[in-house]
N, C-alpha and C. Protein backbone atom coordinates (compact mmCIF):
# COMPACT_ATOMS: atom_id res chain seq x y z
N UNK A 1 22.97 -35.71 22.88
CA UNK A 1 22.17 -35.42 21.70
C UNK A 1 20.90 -36.27 21.69
N UNK A 2 21.03 -37.53 22.06
CA UNK A 2 19.86 -38.43 22.11
C UNK A 2 18.84 -37.92 23.13
N UNK A 3 19.33 -37.43 24.25
CA UNK A 3 18.45 -36.92 25.30
C UNK A 3 17.67 -35.71 24.79
N UNK A 4 18.34 -34.82 24.06
CA UNK A 4 17.65 -33.65 23.48
C UNK A 4 16.53 -34.09 22.54
N UNK A 5 16.83 -35.07 21.68
CA UNK A 5 15.80 -35.56 20.75
C UNK A 5 14.61 -36.14 21.49
N UNK A 6 14.88 -36.86 22.57
CA UNK A 6 13.81 -37.45 23.36
C UNK A 6 12.94 -36.36 23.99
N UNK A 7 13.58 -35.33 24.53
CA UNK A 7 12.84 -34.22 25.15
C UNK A 7 12.01 -33.50 24.09
N UNK A 8 12.59 -33.25 22.92
CA UNK A 8 11.87 -32.57 21.84
C UNK A 8 10.65 -33.38 21.42
N UNK A 9 10.82 -34.70 21.28
CA UNK A 9 9.70 -35.56 20.88
C UNK A 9 8.56 -35.49 21.89
N UNK A 10 8.88 -35.54 23.16
CA UNK A 10 7.83 -35.47 24.19
C UNK A 10 7.23 -34.08 24.29
N UNK A 11 8.06 -33.05 24.11
CA UNK A 11 7.54 -31.68 24.14
C UNK A 11 6.58 -31.45 22.97
N UNK A 12 6.85 -32.07 21.84
CA UNK A 12 5.92 -31.96 20.71
C UNK A 12 4.54 -32.47 21.11
N UNK A 13 4.52 -33.58 21.82
CA UNK A 13 3.24 -34.15 22.27
C UNK A 13 2.56 -33.22 23.28
N UNK A 14 3.32 -32.77 24.26
CA UNK A 14 2.75 -31.91 25.32
C UNK A 14 2.23 -30.61 24.73
N UNK A 15 3.06 -29.93 23.92
CA UNK A 15 2.63 -28.66 23.33
C UNK A 15 1.50 -28.87 22.33
N UNK A 16 1.52 -30.00 21.64
CA UNK A 16 0.44 -30.31 20.71
C UNK A 16 -0.89 -30.50 21.41
N UNK A 17 -0.86 -31.14 22.59
CA UNK A 17 -2.10 -31.41 23.33
C UNK A 17 -2.57 -30.22 24.16
N UNK A 18 -1.61 -29.46 24.71
CA UNK A 18 -1.98 -28.42 25.68
C UNK A 18 -1.61 -27.00 25.23
N UNK A 19 -0.93 -26.88 24.09
CA UNK A 19 -0.44 -25.58 23.68
C UNK A 19 0.82 -25.22 24.44
N UNK A 20 1.46 -24.16 24.03
CA UNK A 20 2.68 -23.72 24.71
C UNK A 20 2.36 -23.20 26.09
N UNK A 21 1.30 -22.41 26.18
CA UNK A 21 0.95 -21.80 27.47
C UNK A 21 0.42 -22.83 28.45
N UNK A 22 -0.35 -23.80 27.96
CA UNK A 22 -0.93 -24.81 28.84
C UNK A 22 0.01 -25.96 29.15
N UNK A 23 0.93 -26.24 28.24
CA UNK A 23 1.90 -27.31 28.46
C UNK A 23 3.02 -26.83 29.38
N UNK A 24 3.42 -27.67 30.31
CA UNK A 24 4.44 -27.25 31.27
C UNK A 24 5.72 -28.05 31.10
N UNK A 25 6.81 -27.45 31.58
CA UNK A 25 8.08 -28.18 31.61
C UNK A 25 7.97 -29.40 32.50
N UNK A 26 7.17 -29.31 33.55
CA UNK A 26 6.97 -30.45 34.45
C UNK A 26 6.36 -31.63 33.69
N UNK A 27 5.38 -31.35 32.85
CA UNK A 27 4.76 -32.43 32.06
C UNK A 27 5.78 -33.09 31.14
N UNK A 28 6.59 -32.28 30.50
CA UNK A 28 7.63 -32.83 29.61
C UNK A 28 8.64 -33.61 30.44
N UNK A 29 9.06 -33.04 31.55
CA UNK A 29 10.07 -33.68 32.41
C UNK A 29 9.61 -35.04 32.89
N UNK A 30 8.36 -35.14 33.31
CA UNK A 30 7.83 -36.42 33.79
C UNK A 30 7.85 -37.48 32.70
N UNK A 31 7.64 -37.09 31.47
CA UNK A 31 7.62 -38.05 30.36
C UNK A 31 9.01 -38.59 30.03
N UNK A 32 10.04 -37.83 30.34
CA UNK A 32 11.40 -38.24 29.99
C UNK A 32 12.27 -38.57 31.20
N UNK A 33 11.70 -38.48 32.39
CA UNK A 33 12.46 -38.83 33.59
C UNK A 33 13.52 -37.80 33.96
N UNK A 34 13.24 -36.54 33.69
CA UNK A 34 14.14 -35.46 34.07
C UNK A 34 13.41 -34.48 34.96
N UNK A 35 14.13 -33.49 35.43
CA UNK A 35 13.50 -32.39 36.16
C UNK A 35 13.32 -31.22 35.20
N UNK A 36 12.42 -30.30 35.52
CA UNK A 36 12.30 -29.10 34.68
C UNK A 36 13.63 -28.34 34.58
N UNK A 37 14.39 -28.33 35.67
CA UNK A 37 15.69 -27.64 35.66
C UNK A 37 16.64 -28.28 34.66
N UNK A 38 16.61 -29.60 34.55
CA UNK A 38 17.48 -30.29 33.59
C UNK A 38 17.08 -29.93 32.15
N UNK A 39 15.79 -29.76 31.92
CA UNK A 39 15.34 -29.38 30.58
C UNK A 39 15.80 -27.96 30.26
N UNK A 40 15.70 -27.07 31.24
CA UNK A 40 16.17 -25.70 31.04
C UNK A 40 17.67 -25.69 30.76
N UNK A 41 18.40 -26.56 31.43
CA UNK A 41 19.85 -26.64 31.19
C UNK A 41 20.12 -27.06 29.73
N UNK A 42 19.29 -27.95 29.20
CA UNK A 42 19.47 -28.42 27.82
C UNK A 42 19.07 -27.37 26.78
N UNK A 43 18.01 -26.59 27.07
CA UNK A 43 17.43 -25.70 26.06
C UNK A 43 17.47 -24.22 26.43
N UNK A 44 17.90 -23.88 27.63
CA UNK A 44 18.00 -22.49 28.04
C UNK A 44 16.74 -21.93 28.66
N UNK A 45 15.58 -22.37 28.18
CA UNK A 45 14.30 -21.87 28.68
C UNK A 45 13.18 -22.69 28.04
N UNK A 46 11.97 -22.46 28.51
CA UNK A 46 10.81 -23.11 27.89
C UNK A 46 10.68 -22.63 26.44
N UNK A 47 10.95 -21.34 26.21
CA UNK A 47 10.88 -20.79 24.86
C UNK A 47 11.93 -21.45 23.96
N UNK A 48 13.12 -21.70 24.52
CA UNK A 48 14.17 -22.39 23.76
C UNK A 48 13.75 -23.79 23.36
N UNK A 49 13.05 -24.47 24.27
CA UNK A 49 12.52 -25.80 23.96
C UNK A 49 11.48 -25.70 22.84
N UNK A 50 10.62 -24.70 22.92
CA UNK A 50 9.61 -24.52 21.87
C UNK A 50 10.27 -24.31 20.51
N UNK A 51 11.29 -23.49 20.45
CA UNK A 51 11.98 -23.25 19.18
C UNK A 51 12.60 -24.54 18.66
N UNK A 52 13.19 -25.36 19.55
CA UNK A 52 13.75 -26.65 19.13
C UNK A 52 12.65 -27.56 18.58
N UNK A 53 11.49 -27.53 19.20
CA UNK A 53 10.36 -28.33 18.74
C UNK A 53 9.92 -27.87 17.34
N UNK A 54 9.80 -26.57 17.16
CA UNK A 54 9.36 -26.03 15.87
C UNK A 54 10.38 -26.30 14.77
N UNK A 55 11.66 -26.20 15.10
CA UNK A 55 12.71 -26.51 14.12
C UNK A 55 12.66 -27.98 13.74
N UNK A 56 12.41 -28.85 14.72
CA UNK A 56 12.29 -30.29 14.43
C UNK A 56 11.08 -30.54 13.54
N UNK A 57 10.00 -29.86 13.81
CA UNK A 57 8.78 -29.99 13.01
C UNK A 57 9.07 -29.62 11.55
N UNK A 58 9.85 -28.56 11.33
CA UNK A 58 10.23 -28.17 9.98
C UNK A 58 11.03 -29.27 9.28
N UNK A 59 11.96 -29.88 10.01
CA UNK A 59 12.78 -30.96 9.46
C UNK A 59 11.90 -32.15 9.07
N UNK A 60 10.99 -32.53 9.96
CA UNK A 60 10.10 -33.66 9.70
C UNK A 60 9.25 -33.39 8.45
N UNK A 61 8.70 -32.20 8.36
CA UNK A 61 7.87 -31.84 7.21
C UNK A 61 8.67 -31.93 5.91
N UNK A 62 9.89 -31.44 5.93
CA UNK A 62 10.74 -31.52 4.73
C UNK A 62 11.04 -32.96 4.35
N UNK A 63 11.29 -33.80 5.35
CA UNK A 63 11.58 -35.21 5.07
C UNK A 63 10.36 -35.90 4.47
N UNK A 64 9.18 -35.61 5.00
CA UNK A 64 7.96 -36.23 4.50
C UNK A 64 7.70 -35.81 3.05
N UNK A 65 7.89 -34.55 2.76
CA UNK A 65 7.64 -34.04 1.41
C UNK A 65 8.66 -34.60 0.42
N UNK A 66 9.83 -34.97 0.90
CA UNK A 66 10.86 -35.44 -0.01
C UNK A 66 11.45 -34.28 -0.77
N UNK A 67 11.99 -34.56 -1.92
CA UNK A 67 12.62 -33.53 -2.74
C UNK A 67 11.95 -33.46 -4.11
N UNK A 68 10.68 -33.09 -4.14
CA UNK A 68 10.03 -32.98 -5.45
C UNK A 68 10.72 -31.88 -6.25
N UNK A 69 10.78 -32.07 -7.54
CA UNK A 69 11.49 -31.11 -8.37
C UNK A 69 10.81 -29.75 -8.39
N UNK A 70 9.59 -29.69 -8.91
CA UNK A 70 8.95 -28.40 -9.06
C UNK A 70 7.51 -28.57 -9.50
N UNK A 71 6.79 -27.46 -9.52
CA UNK A 71 5.45 -27.41 -10.08
C UNK A 71 4.50 -28.50 -9.65
N UNK A 72 3.98 -29.22 -10.64
CA UNK A 72 2.97 -30.23 -10.38
C UNK A 72 3.48 -31.32 -9.44
N UNK A 73 4.71 -31.76 -9.63
CA UNK A 73 5.29 -32.79 -8.77
C UNK A 73 5.28 -32.33 -7.30
N UNK A 74 5.57 -31.06 -7.09
CA UNK A 74 5.57 -30.51 -5.74
C UNK A 74 4.15 -30.50 -5.17
N UNK A 75 3.19 -30.12 -5.99
CA UNK A 75 1.79 -30.14 -5.54
C UNK A 75 1.39 -31.54 -5.09
N UNK A 76 1.76 -32.54 -5.87
CA UNK A 76 1.43 -33.93 -5.54
C UNK A 76 2.06 -34.36 -4.22
N UNK A 77 3.22 -33.80 -3.89
CA UNK A 77 3.90 -34.17 -2.64
C UNK A 77 3.09 -33.75 -1.41
N UNK A 78 2.22 -32.77 -1.56
CA UNK A 78 1.37 -32.37 -0.43
C UNK A 78 0.44 -33.51 -0.01
N UNK A 79 0.11 -34.41 -0.94
CA UNK A 79 -0.71 -35.57 -0.58
C UNK A 79 0.03 -36.45 0.43
N UNK A 80 1.35 -36.58 0.25
CA UNK A 80 2.15 -37.36 1.21
C UNK A 80 2.12 -36.71 2.59
N UNK A 81 2.15 -35.38 2.61
CA UNK A 81 2.10 -34.67 3.88
C UNK A 81 0.77 -34.91 4.59
N UNK A 82 -0.32 -34.87 3.86
CA UNK A 82 -1.63 -35.14 4.46
C UNK A 82 -1.69 -36.56 5.01
N UNK A 83 -1.15 -37.52 4.29
CA UNK A 83 -1.12 -38.92 4.76
C UNK A 83 -0.31 -39.00 6.06
N UNK A 84 0.83 -38.33 6.09
CA UNK A 84 1.67 -38.34 7.28
C UNK A 84 0.92 -37.74 8.47
N UNK A 85 0.20 -36.66 8.22
CA UNK A 85 -0.55 -36.03 9.32
C UNK A 85 -1.62 -36.95 9.88
N UNK A 86 -2.25 -37.77 9.04
CA UNK A 86 -3.25 -38.70 9.57
C UNK A 86 -2.59 -39.77 10.43
N UNK A 87 -1.34 -40.08 10.14
CA UNK A 87 -0.61 -41.11 10.88
C UNK A 87 0.11 -40.56 12.10
N UNK A 88 0.30 -39.26 12.16
CA UNK A 88 1.03 -38.61 13.25
C UNK A 88 0.22 -37.42 13.76
N UNK A 89 -0.87 -37.73 14.38
CA UNK A 89 -1.82 -36.73 14.85
C UNK A 89 -1.18 -35.69 15.77
N UNK A 90 -0.25 -36.14 16.62
CA UNK A 90 0.40 -35.22 17.56
C UNK A 90 1.13 -34.09 16.86
N UNK A 91 1.77 -34.39 15.75
CA UNK A 91 2.47 -33.35 14.99
C UNK A 91 1.47 -32.35 14.41
N UNK A 92 0.36 -32.85 13.93
CA UNK A 92 -0.68 -31.97 13.39
C UNK A 92 -1.30 -31.13 14.50
N UNK A 93 -1.52 -31.73 15.66
CA UNK A 93 -2.04 -30.97 16.80
C UNK A 93 -1.08 -29.85 17.18
N UNK A 94 0.22 -30.17 17.19
CA UNK A 94 1.22 -29.15 17.50
C UNK A 94 1.13 -27.99 16.51
N UNK A 95 1.10 -28.32 15.24
CA UNK A 95 1.06 -27.29 14.21
C UNK A 95 -0.16 -26.38 14.36
N UNK A 96 -1.34 -26.97 14.49
CA UNK A 96 -2.55 -26.15 14.55
C UNK A 96 -2.62 -25.36 15.85
N UNK A 97 -2.18 -25.97 16.94
CA UNK A 97 -2.18 -25.25 18.22
C UNK A 97 -1.21 -24.07 18.18
N UNK A 98 0.00 -24.32 17.68
CA UNK A 98 0.99 -23.24 17.61
C UNK A 98 0.54 -22.15 16.65
N UNK A 99 -0.05 -22.53 15.52
CA UNK A 99 -0.52 -21.52 14.57
C UNK A 99 -1.57 -20.62 15.21
N UNK A 100 -2.49 -21.22 15.96
CA UNK A 100 -3.54 -20.44 16.62
C UNK A 100 -2.96 -19.57 17.74
N UNK A 101 -2.14 -20.16 18.60
CA UNK A 101 -1.57 -19.38 19.71
C UNK A 101 -0.67 -18.26 19.21
N UNK A 102 0.08 -18.53 18.15
CA UNK A 102 1.09 -17.58 17.68
C UNK A 102 0.49 -16.39 16.95
N UNK A 103 -0.83 -16.32 16.82
CA UNK A 103 -1.43 -15.11 16.26
C UNK A 103 -1.22 -13.93 17.20
N UNK A 104 -0.98 -14.20 18.47
CA UNK A 104 -0.68 -13.15 19.43
C UNK A 104 0.78 -12.72 19.26
N UNK A 105 0.99 -11.43 19.06
CA UNK A 105 2.33 -10.92 18.79
C UNK A 105 3.32 -11.18 19.91
N UNK A 106 2.84 -11.39 21.14
CA UNK A 106 3.77 -11.63 22.25
C UNK A 106 4.06 -13.12 22.48
N UNK A 107 3.52 -13.98 21.64
CA UNK A 107 3.78 -15.42 21.78
C UNK A 107 5.20 -15.72 21.29
N UNK A 108 5.94 -16.60 21.99
CA UNK A 108 7.32 -16.87 21.57
C UNK A 108 7.44 -17.49 20.18
N UNK A 109 6.39 -18.08 19.66
CA UNK A 109 6.45 -18.69 18.32
C UNK A 109 5.90 -17.76 17.24
N UNK A 110 5.49 -16.54 17.62
CA UNK A 110 4.87 -15.63 16.65
C UNK A 110 5.78 -15.38 15.44
N UNK A 111 7.00 -15.00 15.70
CA UNK A 111 7.93 -14.69 14.62
C UNK A 111 8.20 -15.93 13.76
N UNK A 112 8.42 -17.06 14.40
CA UNK A 112 8.67 -18.31 13.68
C UNK A 112 7.50 -18.65 12.77
N UNK A 113 6.29 -18.63 13.32
CA UNK A 113 5.11 -19.01 12.54
C UNK A 113 4.84 -18.00 11.42
N UNK A 114 5.06 -16.73 11.69
CA UNK A 114 4.87 -15.70 10.66
C UNK A 114 5.83 -15.94 9.51
N UNK A 115 7.11 -16.19 9.84
CA UNK A 115 8.10 -16.48 8.80
C UNK A 115 7.75 -17.77 8.04
N UNK A 116 7.30 -18.78 8.78
CA UNK A 116 7.00 -20.07 8.14
C UNK A 116 5.82 -19.94 7.18
N UNK A 117 4.77 -19.23 7.60
CA UNK A 117 3.64 -19.03 6.69
C UNK A 117 4.06 -18.24 5.45
N UNK A 118 4.87 -17.21 5.63
CA UNK A 118 5.34 -16.42 4.49
C UNK A 118 6.18 -17.29 3.55
N UNK A 119 7.07 -18.11 4.11
CA UNK A 119 7.90 -18.99 3.29
C UNK A 119 7.06 -20.04 2.57
N UNK A 120 6.05 -20.57 3.26
CA UNK A 120 5.17 -21.56 2.63
C UNK A 120 4.41 -20.94 1.47
N UNK A 121 3.90 -19.73 1.66
CA UNK A 121 3.21 -19.04 0.56
C UNK A 121 4.16 -18.75 -0.60
N UNK A 122 5.40 -18.35 -0.30
CA UNK A 122 6.38 -18.12 -1.36
C UNK A 122 6.60 -19.40 -2.16
N UNK A 123 6.74 -20.53 -1.44
CA UNK A 123 6.94 -21.82 -2.10
C UNK A 123 5.75 -22.18 -2.97
N UNK A 124 4.55 -21.97 -2.44
CA UNK A 124 3.35 -22.30 -3.20
C UNK A 124 3.20 -21.42 -4.44
N UNK A 125 3.49 -20.13 -4.29
CA UNK A 125 3.43 -19.25 -5.47
C UNK A 125 4.41 -19.73 -6.54
N UNK A 126 5.60 -20.12 -6.09
CA UNK A 126 6.61 -20.58 -7.05
C UNK A 126 6.19 -21.88 -7.73
N UNK A 127 5.56 -22.78 -6.98
CA UNK A 127 5.17 -24.04 -7.62
C UNK A 127 4.09 -23.80 -8.68
N UNK A 128 3.22 -22.81 -8.45
CA UNK A 128 2.24 -22.46 -9.49
C UNK A 128 2.96 -21.86 -10.71
N UNK A 129 3.94 -20.97 -10.46
CA UNK A 129 4.70 -20.39 -11.58
C UNK A 129 5.42 -21.48 -12.37
N UNK A 130 6.02 -22.43 -11.65
CA UNK A 130 6.74 -23.52 -12.31
C UNK A 130 5.79 -24.38 -13.15
N UNK A 131 4.62 -24.66 -12.60
CA UNK A 131 3.64 -25.47 -13.35
C UNK A 131 3.18 -24.74 -14.61
N UNK A 132 3.11 -23.43 -14.54
CA UNK A 132 2.77 -22.63 -15.73
C UNK A 132 3.92 -22.67 -16.73
N UNK A 133 5.13 -22.44 -16.24
CA UNK A 133 6.31 -22.45 -17.11
C UNK A 133 6.50 -23.82 -17.78
N UNK A 134 6.19 -24.88 -17.05
CA UNK A 134 6.32 -26.24 -17.60
C UNK A 134 5.14 -26.61 -18.49
N UNK A 135 4.23 -25.66 -18.68
CA UNK A 135 3.04 -25.84 -19.52
C UNK A 135 2.11 -26.92 -18.99
N UNK A 136 2.13 -27.08 -17.67
CA UNK A 136 1.17 -27.99 -17.05
C UNK A 136 -0.10 -27.22 -16.71
N UNK A 137 0.07 -25.98 -16.21
CA UNK A 137 -1.07 -25.10 -15.91
C UNK A 137 -1.16 -24.03 -16.99
N UNK A 138 -2.36 -23.54 -17.16
CA UNK A 138 -2.60 -22.44 -18.10
C UNK A 138 -1.93 -21.17 -17.55
N UNK A 139 -1.67 -20.19 -18.40
CA UNK A 139 -1.09 -18.93 -17.92
C UNK A 139 -2.02 -18.24 -16.92
N UNK A 140 -1.42 -17.61 -15.92
CA UNK A 140 -2.17 -16.86 -14.91
C UNK A 140 -1.42 -15.58 -14.59
N UNK A 141 -2.18 -14.54 -14.27
CA UNK A 141 -1.58 -13.30 -13.79
C UNK A 141 -1.07 -13.52 -12.37
N UNK A 142 -0.17 -12.66 -11.95
CA UNK A 142 0.44 -12.82 -10.63
C UNK A 142 -0.59 -12.77 -9.51
N UNK A 143 -1.61 -11.92 -9.63
CA UNK A 143 -2.62 -11.85 -8.58
C UNK A 143 -3.44 -13.14 -8.51
N UNK A 144 -3.63 -13.81 -9.64
CA UNK A 144 -4.34 -15.09 -9.63
C UNK A 144 -3.47 -16.17 -8.99
N UNK A 145 -2.18 -16.15 -9.28
CA UNK A 145 -1.25 -17.09 -8.64
C UNK A 145 -1.29 -16.88 -7.13
N UNK A 146 -1.26 -15.63 -6.71
CA UNK A 146 -1.32 -15.30 -5.28
C UNK A 146 -2.59 -15.88 -4.65
N UNK A 147 -3.71 -15.67 -5.30
CA UNK A 147 -4.98 -16.18 -4.78
C UNK A 147 -5.02 -17.70 -4.72
N UNK A 148 -4.49 -18.37 -5.73
CA UNK A 148 -4.46 -19.84 -5.73
C UNK A 148 -3.59 -20.36 -4.59
N UNK A 149 -2.43 -19.73 -4.39
CA UNK A 149 -1.53 -20.15 -3.31
C UNK A 149 -2.20 -19.96 -1.94
N UNK A 150 -2.83 -18.81 -1.75
CA UNK A 150 -3.51 -18.55 -0.48
C UNK A 150 -4.64 -19.54 -0.24
N UNK A 151 -5.41 -19.83 -1.27
CA UNK A 151 -6.53 -20.78 -1.12
C UNK A 151 -6.03 -22.20 -0.86
N UNK A 152 -4.93 -22.59 -1.50
CA UNK A 152 -4.37 -23.92 -1.26
C UNK A 152 -3.95 -24.06 0.20
N UNK A 153 -3.22 -23.07 0.71
CA UNK A 153 -2.77 -23.13 2.11
C UNK A 153 -3.96 -23.10 3.07
N UNK A 154 -4.93 -22.24 2.82
CA UNK A 154 -6.11 -22.15 3.69
C UNK A 154 -6.91 -23.45 3.66
N UNK A 155 -7.02 -24.07 2.50
CA UNK A 155 -7.74 -25.34 2.39
C UNK A 155 -7.03 -26.43 3.17
N UNK A 156 -5.71 -26.49 3.05
CA UNK A 156 -4.96 -27.50 3.80
C UNK A 156 -5.20 -27.32 5.30
N UNK A 157 -5.06 -26.09 5.77
CA UNK A 157 -5.27 -25.82 7.20
C UNK A 157 -6.69 -26.18 7.63
N UNK A 158 -7.67 -25.78 6.84
CA UNK A 158 -9.07 -26.06 7.18
C UNK A 158 -9.39 -27.54 7.21
N UNK A 159 -8.90 -28.29 6.24
CA UNK A 159 -9.14 -29.74 6.23
C UNK A 159 -8.47 -30.41 7.42
N UNK A 160 -7.27 -29.94 7.76
CA UNK A 160 -6.58 -30.53 8.92
C UNK A 160 -7.35 -30.27 10.21
N UNK A 161 -7.90 -29.09 10.36
CA UNK A 161 -8.70 -28.79 11.55
C UNK A 161 -9.94 -29.68 11.60
N UNK A 162 -10.59 -29.88 10.45
CA UNK A 162 -11.76 -30.78 10.43
C UNK A 162 -11.37 -32.18 10.87
N UNK A 163 -10.21 -32.66 10.44
CA UNK A 163 -9.72 -33.98 10.84
C UNK A 163 -9.47 -34.04 12.35
N UNK A 164 -8.88 -32.99 12.91
CA UNK A 164 -8.62 -32.99 14.35
C UNK A 164 -9.91 -32.97 15.15
N UNK A 165 -10.91 -32.28 14.66
CA UNK A 165 -12.19 -32.22 15.35
C UNK A 165 -13.00 -33.50 15.18
N UNK A 166 -12.81 -34.18 14.07
CA UNK A 166 -13.58 -35.39 13.76
C UNK A 166 -12.65 -36.42 13.14
N UNK A 167 -12.05 -37.29 13.95
CA UNK A 167 -11.07 -38.26 13.42
C UNK A 167 -11.62 -39.19 12.34
N UNK A 168 -12.94 -39.29 12.19
CA UNK A 168 -13.47 -40.12 11.11
C UNK A 168 -13.47 -39.36 9.77
N UNK A 169 -13.19 -38.07 9.82
CA UNK A 169 -13.08 -37.27 8.60
C UNK A 169 -11.89 -37.78 7.80
N UNK A 170 -12.07 -38.05 6.53
CA UNK A 170 -11.02 -38.61 5.68
C UNK A 170 -10.18 -37.49 5.07
N UNK A 171 -9.15 -37.11 5.80
CA UNK A 171 -8.29 -36.01 5.39
C UNK A 171 -7.61 -36.30 4.05
N UNK A 172 -7.06 -37.49 3.92
CA UNK A 172 -6.36 -37.83 2.67
C UNK A 172 -7.29 -37.75 1.46
N UNK A 173 -8.46 -38.35 1.57
CA UNK A 173 -9.40 -38.37 0.46
C UNK A 173 -9.88 -36.96 0.13
N UNK A 174 -10.22 -36.20 1.16
CA UNK A 174 -10.74 -34.85 0.93
C UNK A 174 -9.69 -33.95 0.28
N UNK A 175 -8.45 -34.04 0.76
CA UNK A 175 -7.40 -33.21 0.16
C UNK A 175 -7.10 -33.65 -1.28
N UNK A 176 -7.02 -34.96 -1.50
CA UNK A 176 -6.75 -35.46 -2.86
C UNK A 176 -7.85 -35.00 -3.82
N UNK A 177 -9.10 -35.04 -3.39
CA UNK A 177 -10.21 -34.60 -4.24
C UNK A 177 -10.09 -33.11 -4.54
N UNK A 178 -9.77 -32.32 -3.51
CA UNK A 178 -9.58 -30.88 -3.71
C UNK A 178 -8.45 -30.62 -4.71
N UNK A 179 -7.32 -31.30 -4.50
CA UNK A 179 -6.16 -31.08 -5.36
C UNK A 179 -6.46 -31.50 -6.80
N UNK A 180 -7.16 -32.61 -6.96
CA UNK A 180 -7.52 -33.05 -8.31
C UNK A 180 -8.41 -32.01 -9.01
N UNK A 181 -9.34 -31.43 -8.26
CA UNK A 181 -10.21 -30.39 -8.85
C UNK A 181 -9.39 -29.14 -9.20
N UNK A 182 -8.47 -28.77 -8.32
CA UNK A 182 -7.63 -27.61 -8.58
C UNK A 182 -6.81 -27.83 -9.86
N UNK A 183 -6.18 -29.00 -9.97
CA UNK A 183 -5.36 -29.31 -11.14
C UNK A 183 -6.22 -29.32 -12.41
N UNK A 184 -7.39 -29.93 -12.34
CA UNK A 184 -8.27 -29.98 -13.51
C UNK A 184 -8.69 -28.56 -13.94
N UNK A 185 -8.94 -27.71 -12.95
CA UNK A 185 -9.38 -26.34 -13.25
C UNK A 185 -8.26 -25.51 -13.87
N UNK A 186 -7.03 -25.75 -13.44
CA UNK A 186 -5.91 -24.93 -13.90
C UNK A 186 -5.11 -25.55 -15.05
N UNK A 187 -5.41 -26.79 -15.36
CA UNK A 187 -4.65 -27.51 -16.38
C UNK A 187 -4.71 -26.81 -17.73
N UNK A 188 -3.59 -26.82 -18.41
CA UNK A 188 -3.52 -26.24 -19.75
C UNK A 188 -4.40 -27.02 -20.72
N UNK A 189 -4.62 -28.29 -20.44
CA UNK A 189 -5.40 -29.17 -21.33
C UNK A 189 -6.81 -29.39 -20.83
N UNK A 190 -7.46 -28.33 -20.34
CA UNK A 190 -8.84 -28.47 -19.87
C UNK A 190 -9.75 -28.85 -21.01
N UNK A 191 -10.73 -29.72 -20.75
CA UNK A 191 -11.64 -30.16 -21.81
C UNK A 191 -12.37 -29.02 -22.52
N UNK A 192 -12.63 -27.92 -21.81
CA UNK A 192 -13.36 -26.82 -22.45
C UNK A 192 -12.45 -25.92 -23.27
N UNK A 193 -11.14 -26.25 -23.26
CA UNK A 193 -10.19 -25.53 -24.10
C UNK A 193 -9.77 -24.17 -23.58
N UNK A 194 -10.24 -23.80 -22.40
CA UNK A 194 -9.87 -22.47 -21.88
C UNK A 194 -8.58 -22.53 -21.10
């Protein structure tokens, strides 16, 4: 079990830096002192290793976010995720590389990434509904909730890409400022009373 975790950790780095197509089993094997055949024995295939990496990434993301209850508290937990990404660049590289590569329907991570994006949007829509129900946010129609969730996810992805392209870009500060503006705009207690 320890060996599998070690291989997954190194594969995250390799796939994050080179993508799934550019990263090789040989590169992963050299990092852990195994042969490519030994890695295939552990995971069944390169695709099996990729799925293990993506599943581990999901676990790490859940751990970083913690267990926020709902609504506004959940929104605030995204700040922790941005902080984690600045401290663990390899994980962020993996995510953005896989998201870009997996737009191709024949990519082995296509189904995983499609499901993950859909689940993330479902979660975001629900957190907006919860914030409305808890009277933290003003009432919104379902199409407005949908738009806010889509914009939140797109903003997170866009800010993360800016950080990867320019490490001096302050991802934490930029996301916190965006989130503060979003909350102020949607808050039930807006100064303009709307």
